[in-house]
Amino acid sequence: MKEKAVNYYKEGHSCSESIILAAIDNGLCDKNLLSVATAFSGGMSAGCLCGAVAGAQMVLGSNFGKGNSSGNQESARIKAKEFVEEFKRKRKTTCCRALSAGYDFHSPERKENCADLVKECAEILDGLVSKVC
């Protein structure tokens, strides 16, 4: 899943969209979630929550949240917390602005940094959904 997500990102999709597209390809969420993911790109266009983190959380909710056979509110929140804890072990924060600090917005270095974030999020997500799916 991580290779697909990074490829989508490098093809021009946003960080959140890339996670969702890879999840769609792997049968982890409905294609209608892609349009929702667009609003979470670039820290919700305000530099807040990393879009790749947000995309992963959407997939976790889709798989473990209310209204599906394998989840409920408690299991979705447990998975969401596990995801954030694992991500923070590596990156210390989920804030897009902090994760991209020191990079010019349009620089190739920032794009590569974000590709790494997409890869890490897809890897963590894949591990969490494969435990049950």
N, C-alpha and C. Protein backbone atom coordinates (compact mmCIF):
# COMPACT_ATOMS: atom_id res chain seq x y z
N MET A 1 0.82 -1.20 0.00
CA MET A 1 0.00 0.00 0.00
C MET A 1 0.86 1.26 0.00
N LYS A 2 1.99 1.23 0.70
CA LYS A 2 2.80 2.43 0.80
C LYS A 2 3.35 2.87 -0.57
N GLU A 3 3.72 1.90 -1.41
CA GLU A 3 4.24 2.26 -2.74
C GLU A 3 3.16 2.94 -3.58
N LYS A 4 1.95 2.41 -3.51
CA LYS A 4 0.84 3.01 -4.25
C LYS A 4 0.58 4.43 -3.77
N ALA A 5 0.56 4.62 -2.47
CA ALA A 5 0.30 5.95 -1.91
C ALA A 5 1.36 6.95 -2.35
N VAL A 6 2.62 6.55 -2.27
CA VAL A 6 3.71 7.45 -2.68
C VAL A 6 3.62 7.74 -4.17
N ASN A 7 3.30 6.74 -4.97
CA ASN A 7 3.16 6.98 -6.41
C ASN A 7 2.04 7.97 -6.71
N TYR A 8 0.91 7.81 -6.04
CA TYR A 8 -0.18 8.76 -6.24
C TYR A 8 0.27 10.17 -5.86
N TYR A 9 0.99 10.29 -4.76
CA TYR A 9 1.47 11.60 -4.33
C TYR A 9 2.41 12.20 -5.37
N LYS A 10 3.32 11.40 -5.85
CA LYS A 10 4.29 11.89 -6.85
C LYS A 10 3.64 12.20 -8.19
N GLU A 11 2.47 11.61 -8.44
CA GLU A 11 1.71 11.91 -9.67
C GLU A 11 0.93 13.20 -9.56
N GLY A 12 0.88 13.81 -8.38
CA GLY A 12 0.20 15.09 -8.24
C GLY A 12 -1.00 15.11 -7.32
N HIS A 13 -1.36 13.98 -6.76
CA HIS A 13 -2.45 13.97 -5.79
C HIS A 13 -1.93 14.52 -4.47
N SER A 14 -2.83 15.04 -3.66
CA SER A 14 -2.42 15.56 -2.36
C SER A 14 -2.09 14.40 -1.42
N CYS A 15 -1.54 14.74 -0.27
CA CYS A 15 -1.17 13.72 0.72
C CYS A 15 -2.40 12.93 1.18
N SER A 16 -3.46 13.60 1.53
CA SER A 16 -4.66 12.91 2.00
C SER A 16 -5.30 12.09 0.88
N GLU A 17 -5.35 12.63 -0.30
CA GLU A 17 -5.92 11.91 -1.44
C GLU A 17 -5.10 10.66 -1.77
N SER A 18 -3.79 10.76 -1.64
CA SER A 18 -2.91 9.63 -1.96
C SER A 18 -3.16 8.45 -1.03
N ILE A 19 -3.35 8.74 0.24
CA ILE A 19 -3.66 7.68 1.20
C ILE A 19 -5.00 7.04 0.85
N ILE A 20 -5.99 7.85 0.56
CA ILE A 20 -7.32 7.33 0.23
C ILE A 20 -7.29 6.53 -1.07
N LEU A 21 -6.61 7.02 -2.09
CA LEU A 21 -6.54 6.28 -3.36
C LEU A 21 -5.89 4.91 -3.17
N ALA A 22 -4.83 4.86 -2.39
CA ALA A 22 -4.17 3.57 -2.13
C ALA A 22 -5.11 2.65 -1.35
N ALA A 23 -5.85 3.22 -0.42
CA ALA A 23 -6.82 2.42 0.36
C ALA A 23 -7.94 1.91 -0.54
N ILE A 24 -8.41 2.74 -1.46
CA ILE A 24 -9.44 2.31 -2.40
C ILE A 24 -8.91 1.14 -3.22
N ASP A 25 -7.69 1.28 -3.73
CA ASP A 25 -7.08 0.20 -4.52
C ASP A 25 -6.99 -1.11 -3.74
N ASN A 26 -6.84 -1.01 -2.44
CA ASN A 26 -6.72 -2.19 -1.59
C ASN A 26 -8.05 -2.63 -0.98
N GLY A 27 -9.13 -2.04 -1.43
CA GLY A 27 -10.46 -2.43 -0.95
C GLY A 27 -10.76 -2.04 0.48
N LEU A 28 -10.08 -0.99 0.97
CA LEU A 28 -10.24 -0.59 2.37
C LEU A 28 -11.26 0.51 2.58
N CYS A 29 -11.69 1.16 1.52
CA CYS A 29 -12.72 2.19 1.67
C CYS A 29 -13.40 2.43 0.33
N ASP A 30 -14.51 3.10 0.39
CA ASP A 30 -15.31 3.41 -0.78
C ASP A 30 -14.69 4.57 -1.56
N LYS A 31 -14.84 4.56 -2.86
CA LYS A 31 -14.26 5.61 -3.71
C LYS A 31 -14.84 6.99 -3.41
N ASN A 32 -16.02 7.05 -2.81
CA ASN A 32 -16.62 8.35 -2.47
C ASN A 32 -15.84 9.09 -1.39
N LEU A 33 -14.98 8.39 -0.67
CA LEU A 33 -14.17 9.03 0.36
C LEU A 33 -13.10 9.95 -0.24
N LEU A 34 -12.77 9.75 -1.51
CA LEU A 34 -11.75 10.58 -2.16
C LEU A 34 -12.12 12.06 -2.14
N SER A 35 -13.35 12.38 -2.45
CA SER A 35 -13.75 13.79 -2.47
C SER A 35 -13.68 14.41 -1.09
N VAL A 36 -13.93 13.62 -0.05
CA VAL A 36 -13.81 14.11 1.32
C VAL A 36 -12.35 14.42 1.64
N ALA A 37 -11.45 13.56 1.19
CA ALA A 37 -10.02 13.71 1.49
C ALA A 37 -9.43 15.00 0.94
N THR A 38 -9.97 15.49 -0.15
CA THR A 38 -9.42 16.71 -0.77
C THR A 38 -9.37 17.87 0.21
N ALA A 39 -10.35 18.01 1.05
CA ALA A 39 -10.40 19.13 2.00
C ALA A 39 -9.34 19.03 3.09
N PHE A 40 -8.72 17.87 3.25
CA PHE A 40 -7.74 17.68 4.31
C PHE A 40 -6.30 17.87 3.83
N SER A 41 -6.12 18.22 2.59
CA SER A 41 -4.79 18.42 2.03
C SER A 41 -4.11 19.63 2.65
N GLY A 42 -2.80 19.52 2.80
CA GLY A 42 -2.02 20.65 3.30
C GLY A 42 -2.45 21.11 4.68
N GLY A 43 -2.70 20.15 5.55
CA GLY A 43 -3.12 20.53 6.90
C GLY A 43 -4.44 21.26 6.88
N MET A 44 -5.39 20.75 6.09
CA MET A 44 -6.71 21.36 5.92
C MET A 44 -6.58 22.77 5.37
N SER A 45 -5.56 22.94 4.53
CA SER A 45 -5.22 24.23 3.90
C SER A 45 -4.89 25.32 4.91
N ALA A 46 -4.59 24.90 6.14
CA ALA A 46 -4.26 25.87 7.18
C ALA A 46 -3.00 25.47 7.95
N GLY A 47 -2.39 24.35 7.56
CA GLY A 47 -1.17 23.92 8.22
C GLY A 47 -1.38 23.15 9.50
N CYS A 48 -2.61 22.72 9.74
CA CYS A 48 -2.89 21.99 11.00
C CYS A 48 -2.57 20.51 10.84
N LEU A 49 -3.52 19.65 11.01
CA LEU A 49 -3.30 18.22 10.95
C LEU A 49 -2.75 17.80 9.59
N CYS A 50 -1.67 17.03 9.60
CA CYS A 50 -1.08 16.49 8.36
C CYS A 50 -2.16 15.75 7.57
N GLY A 51 -2.26 16.06 6.29
CA GLY A 51 -3.27 15.44 5.44
C GLY A 51 -3.12 13.93 5.33
N ALA A 52 -1.89 13.43 5.33
CA ALA A 52 -1.69 11.98 5.26
C ALA A 52 -2.22 11.31 6.53
N VAL A 53 -2.02 11.95 7.66
CA VAL A 53 -2.56 11.45 8.93
C VAL A 53 -4.09 11.47 8.87
N ALA A 54 -4.65 12.56 8.38
CA ALA A 54 -6.11 12.68 8.28
C ALA A 54 -6.67 11.60 7.35
N GLY A 55 -6.01 11.38 6.22
CA GLY A 55 -6.47 10.34 5.30
C GLY A 55 -6.46 8.97 5.94
N ALA A 56 -5.41 8.68 6.67
CA ALA A 56 -5.33 7.38 7.37
C ALA A 56 -6.44 7.25 8.40
N GLN A 57 -6.73 8.34 9.09
CA GLN A 57 -7.80 8.29 10.09
C GLN A 57 -9.15 8.05 9.43
N MET A 58 -9.35 8.63 8.25
CA MET A 58 -10.61 8.39 7.53
C MET A 58 -10.76 6.91 7.19
N VAL A 59 -9.67 6.30 6.75
CA VAL A 59 -9.71 4.88 6.40
C VAL A 59 -9.98 4.04 7.64
N LEU A 60 -9.35 4.38 8.75
CA LEU A 60 -9.59 3.64 10.00
C LEU A 60 -11.06 3.76 10.41
N GLY A 61 -11.62 4.95 10.33
CA GLY A 61 -13.02 5.14 10.65
C GLY A 61 -13.92 4.35 9.73
N SER A 62 -13.56 4.31 8.46
CA SER A 62 -14.34 3.57 7.48
C SER A 62 -14.34 2.07 7.78
N ASN A 63 -13.24 1.58 8.30
CA ASN A 63 -13.11 0.15 8.58
C ASN A 63 -13.57 -0.27 9.97
N PHE A 64 -13.41 0.62 10.93
CA PHE A 64 -13.66 0.24 12.31
C PHE A 64 -14.74 1.06 13.01
N GLY A 65 -15.30 2.04 12.33
CA GLY A 65 -16.29 2.92 12.94
C GLY A 65 -17.71 2.38 12.92
N LYS A 66 -18.59 3.18 13.42
CA LYS A 66 -20.02 2.82 13.47
C LYS A 66 -20.54 2.51 12.07
N GLY A 67 -21.44 1.57 12.01
CA GLY A 67 -22.11 1.29 10.75
C GLY A 67 -21.46 0.23 9.89
N ASN A 68 -20.36 -0.37 10.34
CA ASN A 68 -19.81 -1.47 9.56
C ASN A 68 -19.70 -2.71 10.44
N SER A 69 -19.51 -3.85 9.81
CA SER A 69 -19.57 -5.12 10.54
C SER A 69 -18.40 -5.35 11.49
N SER A 70 -17.28 -4.69 11.26
CA SER A 70 -16.11 -4.96 12.11
C SER A 70 -15.82 -3.87 13.12
N GLY A 71 -16.74 -2.93 13.30
CA GLY A 71 -16.38 -1.83 14.17
C GLY A 71 -17.48 -1.23 14.99
N ASN A 72 -17.05 -0.31 15.80
CA ASN A 72 -17.94 0.51 16.62
C ASN A 72 -17.13 1.73 17.05
N GLN A 73 -17.73 2.60 17.76
CA GLN A 73 -17.04 3.83 18.14
C GLN A 73 -15.76 3.53 18.93
N GLU A 74 -15.83 2.57 19.84
CA GLU A 74 -14.67 2.27 20.67
C GLU A 74 -13.52 1.70 19.85
N SER A 75 -13.79 0.76 18.96
CA SER A 75 -12.70 0.17 18.18
C SER A 75 -12.09 1.19 17.22
N ALA A 76 -12.90 2.06 16.66
CA ALA A 76 -12.37 3.10 15.77
C ALA A 76 -11.45 4.03 16.54
N ARG A 77 -11.85 4.42 17.72
CA ARG A 77 -11.02 5.33 18.52
C ARG A 77 -9.73 4.66 18.99
N ILE A 78 -9.81 3.39 19.31
CA ILE A 78 -8.60 2.67 19.71
C ILE A 78 -7.61 2.63 18.56
N LYS A 79 -8.08 2.31 17.36
CA LYS A 79 -7.21 2.28 16.18
C LYS A 79 -6.66 3.67 15.87
N ALA A 80 -7.51 4.69 16.00
CA ALA A 80 -7.07 6.07 15.74
C ALA A 80 -5.95 6.45 16.70
N LYS A 81 -6.10 6.11 17.95
CA LYS A 81 -5.07 6.42 18.95
C LYS A 81 -3.79 5.65 18.67
N GLU A 82 -3.91 4.37 18.33
CA GLU A 82 -2.73 3.57 18.00
C GLU A 82 -1.96 4.21 16.83
N PHE A 83 -2.72 4.66 15.82
CA PHE A 83 -2.09 5.28 14.66
C PHE A 83 -1.29 6.51 15.08
N VAL A 84 -1.93 7.40 15.82
CA VAL A 84 -1.28 8.66 16.22
C VAL A 84 -0.06 8.38 17.10
N GLU A 85 -0.18 7.44 18.01
CA GLU A 85 0.96 7.13 18.88
C GLU A 85 2.14 6.61 18.07
N GLU A 86 1.88 5.74 17.12
CA GLU A 86 2.95 5.20 16.28
C GLU A 86 3.58 6.30 15.42
N PHE A 87 2.75 7.14 14.83
CA PHE A 87 3.25 8.24 14.01
C PHE A 87 4.11 9.19 14.84
N LYS A 88 3.64 9.52 16.02
CA LYS A 88 4.38 10.44 16.89
C LYS A 88 5.68 9.85 17.42
N ARG A 89 5.76 8.53 17.51
CA ARG A 89 7.03 7.91 17.91
C ARG A 89 8.12 8.26 16.91
N LYS A 90 7.74 8.37 15.65
CA LYS A 90 8.70 8.67 14.59
C LYS A 90 8.85 10.17 14.36
N ARG A 91 7.74 10.90 14.40
CA ARG A 91 7.74 12.31 13.97
C ARG A 91 7.44 13.32 15.07
N LYS A 92 7.06 12.90 16.23
CA LYS A 92 6.81 13.74 17.41
C LYS A 92 5.54 14.59 17.34
N THR A 93 5.02 14.86 16.17
CA THR A 93 3.84 15.70 16.02
C THR A 93 3.04 15.27 14.80
N THR A 94 1.77 15.68 14.76
CA THR A 94 0.93 15.43 13.58
C THR A 94 0.62 16.72 12.83
N CYS A 95 1.24 17.82 13.25
CA CYS A 95 0.99 19.14 12.68
C CYS A 95 1.74 19.31 11.36
N CYS A 96 1.03 19.56 10.30
CA CYS A 96 1.61 19.76 8.97
C CYS A 96 2.67 20.87 8.99
N ARG A 97 2.33 21.96 9.60
CA ARG A 97 3.25 23.11 9.65
C ARG A 97 4.58 22.73 10.31
N ALA A 98 4.50 22.00 11.41
CA ALA A 98 5.72 21.57 12.11
C ALA A 98 6.47 20.51 11.32
N LEU A 99 5.74 19.60 10.69
CA LEU A 99 6.37 18.54 9.91
C LEU A 99 7.07 19.07 8.66
N SER A 100 6.61 20.23 8.19
CA SER A 100 7.18 20.85 6.98
C SER A 100 8.05 22.06 7.29
N ALA A 101 8.32 22.30 8.56
CA ALA A 101 9.13 23.47 8.95
C ALA A 101 10.50 23.39 8.29
N GLY A 102 10.95 24.52 7.82
CA GLY A 102 12.27 24.60 7.21
C GLY A 102 12.27 24.36 5.71
N TYR A 103 11.13 24.01 5.15
CA TYR A 103 11.05 23.77 3.72
C TYR A 103 10.23 24.88 3.06
N ASP A 104 10.71 25.36 1.92
CA ASP A 104 9.91 26.26 1.11
C ASP A 104 8.73 25.45 0.58
N PHE A 105 7.53 26.04 0.59
CA PHE A 105 6.31 25.31 0.24
C PHE A 105 6.41 24.60 -1.11
N HIS A 106 7.00 25.23 -2.10
CA HIS A 106 7.04 24.66 -3.45
C HIS A 106 8.36 23.95 -3.77
N SER A 107 9.18 23.72 -2.78
CA SER A 107 10.49 23.13 -3.04
C SER A 107 10.41 21.61 -3.23
N PRO A 108 11.34 21.08 -4.02
CA PRO A 108 11.41 19.62 -4.18
C PRO A 108 11.72 18.92 -2.85
N GLU A 109 12.44 19.59 -1.99
CA GLU A 109 12.77 19.00 -0.68
C GLU A 109 11.51 18.80 0.17
N ARG A 110 10.64 19.80 0.15
CA ARG A 110 9.38 19.67 0.89
C ARG A 110 8.53 18.56 0.29
N LYS A 111 8.48 18.49 -1.02
CA LYS A 111 7.71 17.45 -1.69
C LYS A 111 8.24 16.06 -1.29
N GLU A 112 9.55 15.92 -1.21
CA GLU A 112 10.14 14.64 -0.81
C GLU A 112 9.83 14.33 0.66
N ASN A 113 9.88 15.34 1.50
CA ASN A 113 9.53 15.17 2.91
C ASN A 113 8.08 14.69 3.03
N CYS A 114 7.20 15.31 2.29
CA CYS A 114 5.79 14.91 2.34
C CYS A 114 5.58 13.51 1.76
N ALA A 115 6.35 13.15 0.74
CA ALA A 115 6.27 11.79 0.21
C ALA A 115 6.67 10.78 1.29
N ASP A 116 7.67 11.13 2.08
CA ASP A 116 8.07 10.26 3.19
C ASP A 116 6.95 10.14 4.23
N LEU A 117 6.26 11.25 4.49
CA LEU A 117 5.15 11.23 5.44
C LEU A 117 4.01 10.34 4.93
N VAL A 118 3.71 10.46 3.65
CA VAL A 118 2.68 9.63 3.03
C VAL A 118 3.07 8.16 3.17
N LYS A 119 4.31 7.85 2.89
CA LYS A 119 4.81 6.48 3.00
C LYS A 119 4.66 5.94 4.42
N GLU A 120 5.09 6.74 5.39
CA GLU A 120 5.00 6.32 6.79
C GLU A 120 3.55 6.11 7.23
N CYS A 121 2.68 7.02 6.82
CA CYS A 121 1.26 6.88 7.19
C CYS A 121 0.65 5.64 6.56
N ALA A 122 0.96 5.39 5.30
CA ALA A 122 0.42 4.21 4.62
C ALA A 122 0.94 2.93 5.27
N GLU A 123 2.18 2.94 5.69
CA GLU A 123 2.77 1.77 6.33
C GLU A 123 2.10 1.49 7.69
N ILE A 124 1.92 2.53 8.49
CA ILE A 124 1.27 2.37 9.79
C ILE A 124 -0.18 1.91 9.58
N LEU A 125 -0.88 2.56 8.65
CA LEU A 125 -2.27 2.21 8.36
C LEU A 125 -2.39 0.76 7.92
N ASP A 126 -1.53 0.34 7.03
CA ASP A 126 -1.55 -1.03 6.53
C ASP A 126 -1.40 -2.03 7.69
N GLY A 127 -0.50 -1.73 8.61
CA GLY A 127 -0.32 -2.60 9.76
C GLY A 127 -1.55 -2.67 10.65
N LEU A 128 -2.22 -1.55 10.82
CA LEU A 128 -3.41 -1.52 11.68
C LEU A 128 -4.61 -2.21 11.06
N VAL A 129 -4.81 -2.06 9.78
CA VAL A 129 -5.98 -2.69 9.16
C VAL A 129 -5.73 -4.18 8.90
N SER A 130 -4.49 -4.56 8.70
CA SER A 130 -4.21 -5.97 8.44
C SER A 130 -4.36 -6.84 9.68
N LYS A 131 -4.38 -6.23 10.85
CA LYS A 131 -4.57 -6.98 12.09
C LYS A 131 -5.96 -7.59 12.17
N VAL A 132 -6.92 -6.98 11.47
CA VAL A 132 -8.30 -7.44 11.57
C VAL A 132 -8.86 -7.86 10.22
N CYS A 133 -8.52 -7.11 9.18
CA CYS A 133 -9.10 -7.36 7.85
C CYS A 133 -8.56 -8.63 7.21
